[in-house]
């Protein structure tokens, strides 16, 4: 009886080990997923207030509190194969531009919309 119990335990432990060696669940790519326009706009709207809180500076001047308003008019100005340029129209009609990766990572911000290495 003792040998049957040990053999059964060994059999089940072998089945469990082998069950995990030859099947896959979805993609295991190390590359982040590219976002669509709506998703990247949501990410940009979350990033802007955080930058204001952190005292992010453009040309030596910190973004003022008015940029924390997430209802600002925002849109995708330009999209490339691996980037988005997002524009935010401020309450004073000034336009702030974000350069973001296609996976939604913030790279840079300015008031010109021109980013080094990006040809519009």
N, C-alpha and C. Protein backbone atom coordinates (compact mmCIF):
# COMPACT_ATOMS: atom_id res chain seq x y z
N UNK A 1 0.83 -1.19 0.00
CA UNK A 1 0.00 0.00 0.00
C UNK A 1 0.88 1.25 0.00
N UNK A 2 1.95 1.22 0.79
CA UNK A 2 2.85 2.36 0.88
C UNK A 2 3.48 2.64 -0.48
N UNK A 3 3.82 1.59 -1.23
CA UNK A 3 4.44 1.77 -2.54
C UNK A 3 3.46 2.34 -3.57
N UNK A 4 2.20 1.96 -3.46
CA UNK A 4 1.18 2.49 -4.37
C UNK A 4 1.00 3.99 -4.14
N UNK A 5 0.96 4.40 -2.88
CA UNK A 5 0.82 5.82 -2.55
C UNK A 5 2.02 6.62 -3.06
N UNK A 6 3.23 6.11 -2.85
CA UNK A 6 4.43 6.79 -3.34
C UNK A 6 4.45 6.86 -4.86
N UNK A 7 4.06 5.79 -5.52
CA UNK A 7 4.04 5.77 -6.99
C UNK A 7 3.02 6.77 -7.51
N UNK A 8 1.86 6.88 -6.86
CA UNK A 8 0.83 7.83 -7.27
C UNK A 8 1.32 9.27 -7.10
N UNK A 9 1.95 9.55 -5.97
CA UNK A 9 2.50 10.89 -5.73
C UNK A 9 3.56 11.23 -6.77
N UNK A 10 4.42 10.29 -7.09
CA UNK A 10 5.47 10.51 -8.08
C UNK A 10 4.86 10.76 -9.46
N UNK A 11 3.85 9.99 -9.81
CA UNK A 11 3.19 10.13 -11.11
C UNK A 11 2.58 11.53 -11.25
N UNK A 12 1.85 12.00 -10.22
CA UNK A 12 1.23 13.32 -10.29
C UNK A 12 2.26 14.45 -10.30
N UNK A 13 3.34 14.30 -9.58
CA UNK A 13 4.36 15.35 -9.59
C UNK A 13 5.04 15.42 -10.96
N UNK A 14 5.22 14.30 -11.62
CA UNK A 14 5.81 14.27 -12.95
C UNK A 14 4.87 14.90 -13.97
N UNK A 15 3.59 14.61 -13.87
CA UNK A 15 2.61 15.18 -14.79
C UNK A 15 2.58 16.70 -14.64
N UNK A 16 2.60 17.22 -13.44
CA UNK A 16 2.57 18.67 -13.22
C UNK A 16 3.80 19.34 -13.78
N UNK A 17 4.96 18.75 -13.62
CA UNK A 17 6.19 19.34 -14.13
C UNK A 17 6.15 19.37 -15.65
N UNK A 18 5.75 18.30 -16.28
CA UNK A 18 5.71 18.24 -17.73
C UNK A 18 4.59 19.09 -18.32
N UNK A 19 3.54 19.31 -17.61
CA UNK A 19 2.43 20.09 -18.13
C UNK A 19 2.84 21.53 -18.40
N UNK A 20 3.81 22.04 -17.68
CA UNK A 20 4.21 23.43 -17.86
C UNK A 20 5.31 23.65 -18.86
N UNK A 21 5.80 22.61 -19.51
CA UNK A 21 6.98 22.79 -20.35
C UNK A 21 6.69 23.00 -21.82
N UNK A 22 5.48 22.73 -22.29
CA UNK A 22 5.30 22.77 -23.73
C UNK A 22 4.05 23.53 -24.18
N UNK A 23 3.52 24.43 -23.38
CA UNK A 23 2.39 25.21 -23.86
C UNK A 23 2.61 26.68 -23.54
N UNK A 24 1.95 27.54 -24.30
CA UNK A 24 2.17 28.97 -24.19
C UNK A 24 0.85 29.69 -23.96
N UNK A 25 0.91 30.79 -23.25
CA UNK A 25 -0.26 31.62 -22.99
C UNK A 25 0.00 33.00 -23.58
N UNK A 26 -0.46 33.24 -24.77
CA UNK A 26 -0.32 34.57 -25.36
C UNK A 26 1.11 34.89 -25.71
N UNK A 27 1.33 36.15 -26.02
CA UNK A 27 2.65 36.61 -26.42
C UNK A 27 3.48 36.95 -25.18
N UNK A 28 4.72 36.55 -25.20
CA UNK A 28 5.64 36.88 -24.11
C UNK A 28 6.71 37.83 -24.60
N UNK A 29 6.35 38.70 -25.51
CA UNK A 29 7.30 39.65 -26.07
C UNK A 29 7.76 40.64 -25.01
N UNK A 30 9.02 41.03 -25.08
CA UNK A 30 9.53 42.01 -24.13
C UNK A 30 9.20 43.43 -24.58
N UNK A 31 8.69 43.59 -25.80
CA UNK A 31 8.33 44.90 -26.32
C UNK A 31 6.97 45.31 -25.76
N UNK A 32 6.85 46.58 -25.29
CA UNK A 32 5.56 47.04 -24.80
C UNK A 32 4.55 47.14 -25.94
N UNK A 33 3.31 46.98 -25.58
CA UNK A 33 2.22 47.04 -26.56
C UNK A 33 2.02 48.48 -27.03
N UNK A 34 1.86 48.67 -28.33
CA UNK A 34 1.58 49.99 -28.89
C UNK A 34 0.14 50.38 -28.55
N UNK A 35 -0.05 51.63 -28.16
CA UNK A 35 -1.37 52.13 -27.81
C UNK A 35 -2.04 52.76 -29.03
N UNK A 36 -3.37 52.77 -29.03
CA UNK A 36 -4.07 53.49 -30.08
C UNK A 36 -4.21 54.95 -29.66
N UNK A 37 -4.78 55.80 -30.52
CA UNK A 37 -4.86 57.23 -30.24
C UNK A 37 -5.61 57.53 -28.94
N UNK A 38 -6.73 56.87 -28.75
CA UNK A 38 -7.52 57.11 -27.54
C UNK A 38 -6.75 56.76 -26.28
N UNK A 39 -6.06 55.63 -26.30
CA UNK A 39 -5.28 55.20 -25.15
C UNK A 39 -4.12 56.15 -24.84
N UNK A 40 -3.44 56.61 -25.88
CA UNK A 40 -2.30 57.51 -25.65
C UNK A 40 -2.79 58.87 -25.15
N UNK A 41 -3.97 59.32 -25.59
CA UNK A 41 -4.53 60.57 -25.07
C UNK A 41 -4.87 60.44 -23.59
N UNK A 42 -5.43 59.31 -23.20
CA UNK A 42 -5.72 59.07 -21.78
C UNK A 42 -4.43 59.11 -20.97
N UNK A 43 -3.39 58.46 -21.47
CA UNK A 43 -2.10 58.44 -20.77
C UNK A 43 -1.52 59.85 -20.67
N UNK A 44 -1.61 60.63 -21.75
CA UNK A 44 -1.09 62.00 -21.74
C UNK A 44 -1.85 62.86 -20.74
N UNK A 45 -3.17 62.69 -20.66
CA UNK A 45 -3.99 63.48 -19.72
C UNK A 45 -3.67 63.11 -18.27
N UNK A 46 -3.21 61.91 -18.04
CA UNK A 46 -2.78 61.52 -16.68
C UNK A 46 -1.39 62.05 -16.38
N UNK A 47 -0.55 62.15 -17.39
CA UNK A 47 0.83 62.58 -17.22
C UNK A 47 0.93 64.08 -16.95
N UNK A 48 0.12 64.89 -17.63
CA UNK A 48 0.22 66.34 -17.52
C UNK A 48 0.08 66.85 -16.08
N UNK A 49 -0.95 66.48 -15.32
CA UNK A 49 -1.03 66.96 -13.93
C UNK A 49 0.15 66.49 -13.08
N UNK A 50 0.67 65.31 -13.37
CA UNK A 50 1.83 64.81 -12.62
C UNK A 50 3.05 65.68 -12.89
N UNK A 51 3.22 66.11 -14.13
CA UNK A 51 4.35 66.99 -14.46
C UNK A 51 4.23 68.33 -13.75
N UNK A 52 3.01 68.86 -13.69
CA UNK A 52 2.78 70.13 -12.99
C UNK A 52 3.14 69.96 -11.51
N UNK A 53 2.69 68.89 -10.90
CA UNK A 53 2.99 68.62 -9.48
C UNK A 53 4.49 68.50 -9.24
N UNK A 54 5.21 67.93 -10.20
CA UNK A 54 6.65 67.73 -10.05
C UNK A 54 7.45 68.98 -10.39
N UNK A 55 6.77 70.04 -10.83
CA UNK A 55 7.48 71.27 -11.16
C UNK A 55 8.24 71.19 -12.47
N UNK A 56 7.72 70.40 -13.42
CA UNK A 56 8.38 70.24 -14.72
C UNK A 56 8.57 71.59 -15.39
N UNK A 57 9.78 71.81 -15.91
CA UNK A 57 10.11 73.11 -16.51
C UNK A 57 10.29 73.00 -18.02
N UNK A 58 9.79 74.02 -18.71
CA UNK A 58 10.03 74.17 -20.14
C UNK A 58 10.71 75.51 -20.31
N UNK A 59 11.87 75.49 -20.92
CA UNK A 59 12.69 76.71 -21.08
C UNK A 59 12.91 77.42 -19.75
N UNK A 60 13.12 76.66 -18.69
CA UNK A 60 13.44 77.23 -17.39
C UNK A 60 12.24 77.68 -16.57
N UNK A 61 11.03 77.54 -17.11
CA UNK A 61 9.83 77.98 -16.40
C UNK A 61 8.94 76.78 -16.10
N UNK A 62 8.55 76.64 -14.85
CA UNK A 62 7.68 75.52 -14.44
C UNK A 62 6.28 75.70 -15.03
N UNK A 63 5.68 74.59 -15.39
CA UNK A 63 4.29 74.63 -15.87
C UNK A 63 3.40 75.13 -14.74
N UNK A 64 2.51 76.07 -15.04
CA UNK A 64 1.65 76.60 -13.98
C UNK A 64 0.44 75.68 -13.75
N UNK A 65 -0.26 75.96 -12.67
CA UNK A 65 -1.37 75.12 -12.21
C UNK A 65 -2.50 74.97 -13.23
N UNK A 66 -2.65 75.93 -14.14
CA UNK A 66 -3.75 75.85 -15.10
C UNK A 66 -3.62 74.63 -16.02
N UNK A 67 -2.42 74.10 -16.16
CA UNK A 67 -2.21 72.92 -17.00
C UNK A 67 -2.70 71.64 -16.34
N UNK A 68 -3.07 71.70 -15.07
CA UNK A 68 -3.59 70.51 -14.38
C UNK A 68 -5.02 70.19 -14.78
N UNK A 69 -5.68 71.10 -15.46
CA UNK A 69 -7.07 70.92 -15.88
C UNK A 69 -7.12 69.84 -16.96
N UNK A 70 -7.57 68.64 -16.61
CA UNK A 70 -7.59 67.52 -17.55
C UNK A 70 -8.65 67.67 -18.63
N UNK A 71 -9.52 68.68 -18.51
CA UNK A 71 -10.53 68.88 -19.54
C UNK A 71 -9.99 69.74 -20.68
N UNK A 72 -8.70 70.08 -20.64
CA UNK A 72 -8.09 70.85 -21.72
C UNK A 72 -8.32 70.15 -23.05
N UNK A 73 -8.46 70.94 -24.09
CA UNK A 73 -8.64 70.41 -25.42
C UNK A 73 -7.34 69.72 -25.85
N UNK A 74 -7.37 68.43 -26.02
CA UNK A 74 -6.18 67.68 -26.40
C UNK A 74 -6.48 66.84 -27.64
N UNK A 75 -5.45 66.64 -28.43
CA UNK A 75 -5.59 65.80 -29.62
C UNK A 75 -4.23 65.30 -30.06
N UNK A 76 -4.25 64.28 -30.90
CA UNK A 76 -3.03 63.78 -31.50
C UNK A 76 -2.72 64.68 -32.69
N UNK A 77 -1.60 65.37 -32.60
CA UNK A 77 -1.19 66.26 -33.69
C UNK A 77 -0.48 65.47 -34.79
N UNK A 78 0.33 64.51 -34.38
CA UNK A 78 1.13 63.73 -35.33
C UNK A 78 1.35 62.34 -34.76
N UNK A 79 1.37 61.36 -35.65
CA UNK A 79 1.67 59.99 -35.23
C UNK A 79 2.68 59.41 -36.18
N UNK A 80 3.73 58.82 -35.64
CA UNK A 80 4.73 58.13 -36.43
C UNK A 80 4.71 56.66 -36.08
N UNK A 81 5.62 55.90 -36.63
CA UNK A 81 5.64 54.46 -36.37
C UNK A 81 5.90 54.11 -34.90
N UNK A 82 6.61 54.99 -34.17
CA UNK A 82 6.92 54.68 -32.78
C UNK A 82 6.76 55.88 -31.85
N UNK A 83 5.96 56.87 -32.26
CA UNK A 83 5.75 58.04 -31.41
C UNK A 83 4.39 58.69 -31.69
N UNK A 84 3.99 59.51 -30.74
CA UNK A 84 2.83 60.39 -30.88
C UNK A 84 3.24 61.78 -30.44
N UNK A 85 2.73 62.80 -31.10
CA UNK A 85 2.84 64.17 -30.61
C UNK A 85 1.43 64.59 -30.24
N UNK A 86 1.25 64.92 -28.96
CA UNK A 86 -0.06 65.30 -28.41
C UNK A 86 -0.05 66.80 -28.17
N UNK A 87 -1.15 67.47 -28.51
CA UNK A 87 -1.25 68.90 -28.22
C UNK A 87 -2.35 69.14 -27.19
N UNK A 88 -2.07 70.07 -26.27
CA UNK A 88 -3.03 70.53 -25.26
C UNK A 88 -3.21 72.03 -25.46
N UNK A 89 -4.44 72.44 -25.65
CA UNK A 89 -4.70 73.88 -25.78
C UNK A 89 -5.10 74.40 -24.42
N UNK A 90 -4.26 75.32 -23.89
CA UNK A 90 -4.48 75.86 -22.56
C UNK A 90 -5.58 76.91 -22.51
N UNK A 91 -5.93 77.30 -21.30
CA UNK A 91 -6.98 78.30 -21.09
C UNK A 91 -6.60 79.65 -21.69
N UNK A 92 -5.30 79.92 -21.81
CA UNK A 92 -4.83 81.19 -22.38
C UNK A 92 -4.49 81.05 -23.86
N UNK A 93 -5.00 79.99 -24.50
CA UNK A 93 -4.81 79.70 -25.92
C UNK A 93 -3.39 79.24 -26.25
N UNK A 94 -2.52 79.11 -25.25
CA UNK A 94 -1.18 78.58 -25.49
C UNK A 94 -1.30 77.08 -25.72
N UNK A 95 -0.46 76.55 -26.59
CA UNK A 95 -0.50 75.12 -26.90
C UNK A 95 0.76 74.45 -26.38
N UNK A 96 0.56 73.39 -25.60
CA UNK A 96 1.63 72.58 -25.05
C UNK A 96 1.67 71.27 -25.83
N UNK A 97 2.86 70.84 -26.19
CA UNK A 97 3.03 69.61 -26.96
C UNK A 97 3.82 68.59 -26.16
N UNK A 98 3.37 67.34 -26.26
CA UNK A 98 4.07 66.21 -25.66
C UNK A 98 4.59 65.32 -26.77
N UNK A 99 5.79 64.80 -26.60
CA UNK A 99 6.29 63.72 -27.42
C UNK A 99 6.21 62.47 -26.56
N UNK A 100 5.48 61.47 -27.06
CA UNK A 100 5.29 60.22 -26.31
C UNK A 100 5.60 59.04 -27.22
N UNK A 101 6.04 57.96 -26.61
CA UNK A 101 6.29 56.74 -27.37
C UNK A 101 4.95 56.13 -27.77
N UNK A 102 4.99 55.21 -28.71
CA UNK A 102 3.75 54.55 -29.13
C UNK A 102 3.18 53.67 -28.02
N UNK A 103 4.00 53.36 -27.00
CA UNK A 103 3.51 52.59 -25.85
C UNK A 103 3.07 53.50 -24.71
N UNK A 104 3.11 54.84 -24.93
CA UNK A 104 2.58 55.78 -23.95
C UNK A 104 3.58 56.35 -22.97
N UNK A 105 4.86 56.17 -23.20
CA UNK A 105 5.88 56.75 -22.32
C UNK A 105 6.13 58.21 -22.71
N UNK A 106 6.18 59.08 -21.72
CA UNK A 106 6.45 60.49 -21.94
C UNK A 106 7.94 60.69 -22.21
N UNK A 107 8.26 61.45 -23.27
CA UNK A 107 9.65 61.76 -23.58
C UNK A 107 9.99 63.22 -23.29
N UNK A 108 9.20 64.13 -23.84
CA UNK A 108 9.56 65.55 -23.80
C UNK A 108 8.30 66.40 -23.98
N UNK A 109 8.40 67.66 -23.57
CA UNK A 109 7.31 68.61 -23.77
C UNK A 109 7.89 69.96 -24.17
N UNK A 110 7.13 70.71 -24.98
CA UNK A 110 7.53 72.07 -25.34
C UNK A 110 6.31 72.84 -25.84
N UNK A 111 6.53 74.10 -26.18
CA UNK A 111 5.45 74.93 -26.71
C UNK A 111 5.57 75.16 -28.21
N UNK A 112 6.49 74.49 -28.87
CA UNK A 112 6.68 74.68 -30.31
C UNK A 112 6.11 73.54 -31.13
N UNK A 113 6.07 72.35 -30.58
CA UNK A 113 5.62 71.18 -31.33
C UNK A 113 6.71 70.56 -32.19
N UNK A 114 7.90 71.15 -32.15
CA UNK A 114 9.04 70.61 -32.91
C UNK A 114 9.94 69.84 -31.95
N UNK A 115 10.24 68.61 -32.30
CA UNK A 115 11.09 67.76 -31.46
C UNK A 115 12.26 67.26 -32.29
N UNK A 116 13.44 67.33 -31.72
CA UNK A 116 14.65 66.91 -32.42
C UNK A 116 14.53 65.46 -32.86
N UNK A 117 14.85 65.23 -34.13
CA UNK A 117 14.79 63.88 -34.67
C UNK A 117 13.45 63.50 -35.27
N UNK A 118 12.44 64.37 -35.09
CA UNK A 118 11.10 64.11 -35.65
C UNK A 118 10.89 65.12 -36.78
N UNK A 119 10.74 64.64 -37.97
CA UNK A 119 10.51 65.53 -39.12
C UNK A 119 9.04 65.53 -39.47
N UNK A 120 8.40 66.67 -39.29
CA UNK A 120 6.96 66.76 -39.61
C UNK A 120 6.75 67.22 -41.03
